Amino acid sequence: MSTVETRVMTAHIPIPLADRVDQLANRLERSRGWIVKQALSSFVEQEEHRYRMTLEALSDVDSGRTIDHGTVEAWVDSLDTDLPLSAPSCE
């Protein structure tokens, strides 16, 4: 089994949040460190995904692949009606 190098990081956590982490660790029978590592990994993955999507969206804008604001507004307004419009596309 390979070992992963680690580094200790510290952070000041509000007491109510720290208490919740402790409760979760007890309930899952895991260490606080494991809970924090899982949460941090999830957050970092989410933010990296958000960043990639932002770059992709900016590329679409630069390429002219956009939908007029009025078209989007009309579609959204139609969603609460008996005859909603089809979602607009960049075709």
C-alpha atoms as a PDB file:
ATOM      1  CA  MET A   1       0.000   0.000   0.000  1.00  0.00           C
ATOM      2  CA  SER A   2       1.424   3.389  -0.965  1.00  0.00           C
ATOM      3  CA  THR A   3       1.510   6.214   1.527  1.00  0.00           C
ATOM      4  CA  VAL A   4       0.423   9.712   0.624  1.00  0.00           C
ATOM      5  CA  GLU A   5       2.520  12.553   1.920  1.00  0.00           C
ATOM      6  CA  THR A   6       0.567  14.899   4.147  1.00  0.00           C
ATOM      7  CA  ARG A   7       0.982  18.333   5.641  1.00  0.00           C
ATOM      8  CA  VAL A   8      -0.635  19.702   8.773  1.00  0.00           C
ATOM      9  CA  MET A   9      -2.748  22.799   8.219  1.00  0.00           C
ATOM     10  CA  THR A  10      -4.447  24.810  10.927  1.00  0.00           C
ATOM     11  CA  ALA A  11      -7.519  26.994  10.857  1.00  0.00           C
ATOM     12  CA  HIS A  12      -9.550  28.888  13.388  1.00  0.00           C
ATOM     13  CA  ILE A  13     -13.029  27.334  13.365  1.00  0.00           C
ATOM     14  CA  PRO A  14     -16.027  28.941  15.055  1.00  0.00           C
ATOM     15  CA  ILE A  15     -16.942  26.896  18.124  1.00  0.00           C
ATOM     16  CA  PRO A  16     -20.475  26.027  16.908  1.00  0.00           C
ATOM     17  CA  LEU A  17     -19.024  24.620  13.678  1.00  0.00           C
ATOM     18  CA  ALA A  18     -16.310  22.739  15.553  1.00  0.00           C
ATOM     19  CA  ASP A  19     -18.991  21.246  17.801  1.00  0.00           C
ATOM     20  CA  ARG A  20     -20.919  20.087  14.746  1.00  0.00           C
ATOM     21  CA  VAL A  21     -17.763  18.486  13.321  1.00  0.00           C
ATOM     22  CA  ASP A  22     -17.233  16.688  16.640  1.00  0.00           C
ATOM     23  CA  GLN A  23     -20.829  15.429  16.620  1.00  0.00           C
ATOM     24  CA  LEU A  24     -20.498  14.221  13.039  1.00  0.00           C
ATOM     25  CA  ALA A  25     -17.190  12.502  13.802  1.00  0.00           C
ATOM     26  CA  ASN A  26     -18.769  10.703  16.756  1.00  0.00           C
ATOM     27  CA  ARG A  27     -21.831   9.680  14.769  1.00  0.00           C
ATOM     28  CA  LEU A  28     -19.740   8.348  11.869  1.00  0.00           C
ATOM     29  CA  GLU A  29     -17.100   6.887  14.185  1.00  0.00           C
ATOM     30  CA  ARG A  30     -14.410   8.791  12.310  1.00  0.00           C
ATOM     31  CA  SER A  31     -11.785  11.276  13.417  1.00  0.00           C
ATOM     32  CA  ARG A  32     -12.235  15.024  13.189  1.00  0.00           C
ATOM     33  CA  GLY A  33      -9.320  15.037  10.761  1.00  0.00           C
ATOM     34  CA  TRP A  34     -11.132  12.607   8.468  1.00  0.00           C
ATOM     35  CA  ILE A  35     -14.286  14.757   8.524  1.00  0.00           C
ATOM     36  CA  VAL A  36     -12.336  17.933   7.766  1.00  0.00           C
ATOM     37  CA  LYS A  37     -10.359  16.215   4.978  1.00  0.00           C
ATOM     38  CA  GLN A  38     -13.577  14.977   3.355  1.00  0.00           C
ATOM     39  CA  ALA A  39     -15.208  18.405   3.602  1.00  0.00           C
ATOM     40  CA  LEU A  40     -12.159  20.209   2.264  1.00  0.00           C
ATOM     41  CA  SER A  41     -11.741  17.761  -0.609  1.00  0.00           C
ATOM     42  CA  SER A  42     -15.379  18.195  -1.577  1.00  0.00           C
ATOM     43  CA  PHE A  43     -15.157  21.991  -1.401  1.00  0.00           C
ATOM     44  CA  VAL A  44     -11.968  22.144  -3.467  1.00  0.00           C
ATOM     45  CA  GLU A  45     -13.426  19.843  -6.140  1.00  0.00           C
ATOM     46  CA  GLN A  46     -16.593  21.951  -6.285  1.00  0.00           C
ATOM     47  CA  GLU A  47     -14.641  25.199  -6.649  1.00  0.00           C
ATOM     48  CA  GLU A  48     -12.349  23.717  -9.311  1.00  0.00           C
ATOM     49  CA  HIS A  49     -15.429  22.540 -11.234  1.00  0.00           C
ATOM     50  CA  ARG A  50     -17.029  25.989 -10.893  1.00  0.00           C
ATOM     51  CA  TYR A  51     -13.827  27.586 -12.211  1.00  0.00           C
ATOM     52  CA  ARG A  52     -13.674  25.233 -15.226  1.00  0.00           C
ATOM     53  CA  MET A  53     -17.332  25.985 -16.001  1.00  0.00           C
ATOM     54  CA  THR A  54     -16.664  29.727 -15.742  1.00  0.00           C
ATOM     55  CA  LEU A  55     -13.780  29.466 -18.215  1.00  0.00           C
ATOM     56  CA  GLU A  56     -15.989  27.417 -20.546  1.00  0.00           C
ATOM     57  CA  ALA A  57     -18.782  29.997 -20.316  1.00  0.00           C
ATOM     58  CA  LEU A  58     -16.369  32.859 -21.012  1.00  0.00           C
ATOM     59  CA  SER A  59     -15.101  30.967 -24.044  1.00  0.00           C
ATOM     60  CA  ASP A  60     -18.693  30.625 -25.271  1.00  0.00           C
ATOM     61  CA  VAL A  61     -19.211  34.366 -24.849  1.00  0.00           C
ATOM     62  CA  ASP A  62     -15.981  35.127 -26.705  1.00  0.00           C
ATOM     63  CA  SER A  63     -17.176  32.851 -29.533  1.00  0.00           C
ATOM     64  CA  GLY A  64     -20.563  34.528 -29.687  1.00  0.00           C
ATOM     65  CA  ARG A  65     -22.473  31.513 -28.349  1.00  0.00           C
ATOM     66  CA  THR A  66     -24.933  33.432 -26.215  1.00  0.00           C
ATOM     67  CA  ILE A  67     -28.691  33.728 -25.767  1.00  0.00           C
ATOM     68  CA  ASP A  68     -30.397  37.104 -25.733  1.00  0.00           C
ATOM     69  CA  HIS A  69     -31.542  38.176 -22.258  1.00  0.00           C
ATOM     70  CA  GLY A  70     -35.085  38.861 -23.480  1.00  0.00           C
ATOM     71  CA  THR A  71     -35.331  35.342 -24.876  1.00  0.00           C
ATOM     72  CA  VAL A  72     -34.260  33.855 -21.545  1.00  0.00           C
ATOM     73  CA  GLU A  73     -36.703  36.088 -19.646  1.00  0.00           C
ATOM     74  CA  ALA A  74     -39.579  35.009 -21.902  1.00  0.00           C
ATOM     75  CA  TRP A  75     -38.692  31.358 -21.370  1.00  0.00           C
ATOM     76  CA  VAL A  76     -38.477  31.755 -17.580  1.00  0.00           C
ATOM     77  CA  ASP A  77     -41.766  33.649 -17.467  1.00  0.00           C
ATOM     78  CA  SER A  78     -43.414  30.843 -19.437  1.00  0.00           C
ATOM     79  CA  LEU A  79     -42.405  28.138 -16.960  1.00  0.00           C
ATOM     80  CA  ASP A  80     -45.341  28.946 -14.646  1.00  0.00           C
ATOM     81  CA  THR A  81     -47.869  28.807 -17.475  1.00  0.00           C
ATOM     82  CA  ASP A  82     -49.886  25.974 -18.977  1.00  0.00           C
ATOM     83  CA  LEU A  83     -47.781  26.187 -22.145  1.00  0.00           C
ATOM     84  CA  PRO A  84     -44.120  26.632 -21.188  1.00  0.00           C
ATOM     85  CA  LEU A  85     -41.718  27.460 -23.998  1.00  0.00           C
ATOM     86  CA  SER A  86     -38.887  25.126 -24.904  1.00  0.00           C
ATOM     87  CA  ALA A  87     -35.568  26.011 -23.337  1.00  0.00           C
ATOM     88  CA  PRO A  88     -33.691  28.436 -25.571  1.00  0.00           C
ATOM     89  CA  SER A  89     -30.486  27.330 -27.259  1.00  0.00           C
ATOM     90  CA  CYS A  90     -27.548  28.969 -28.999  1.00  0.00           C
ATOM     91  CA  GLU A  91     -28.302  27.441 -32.393  1.00  0.00           C
END
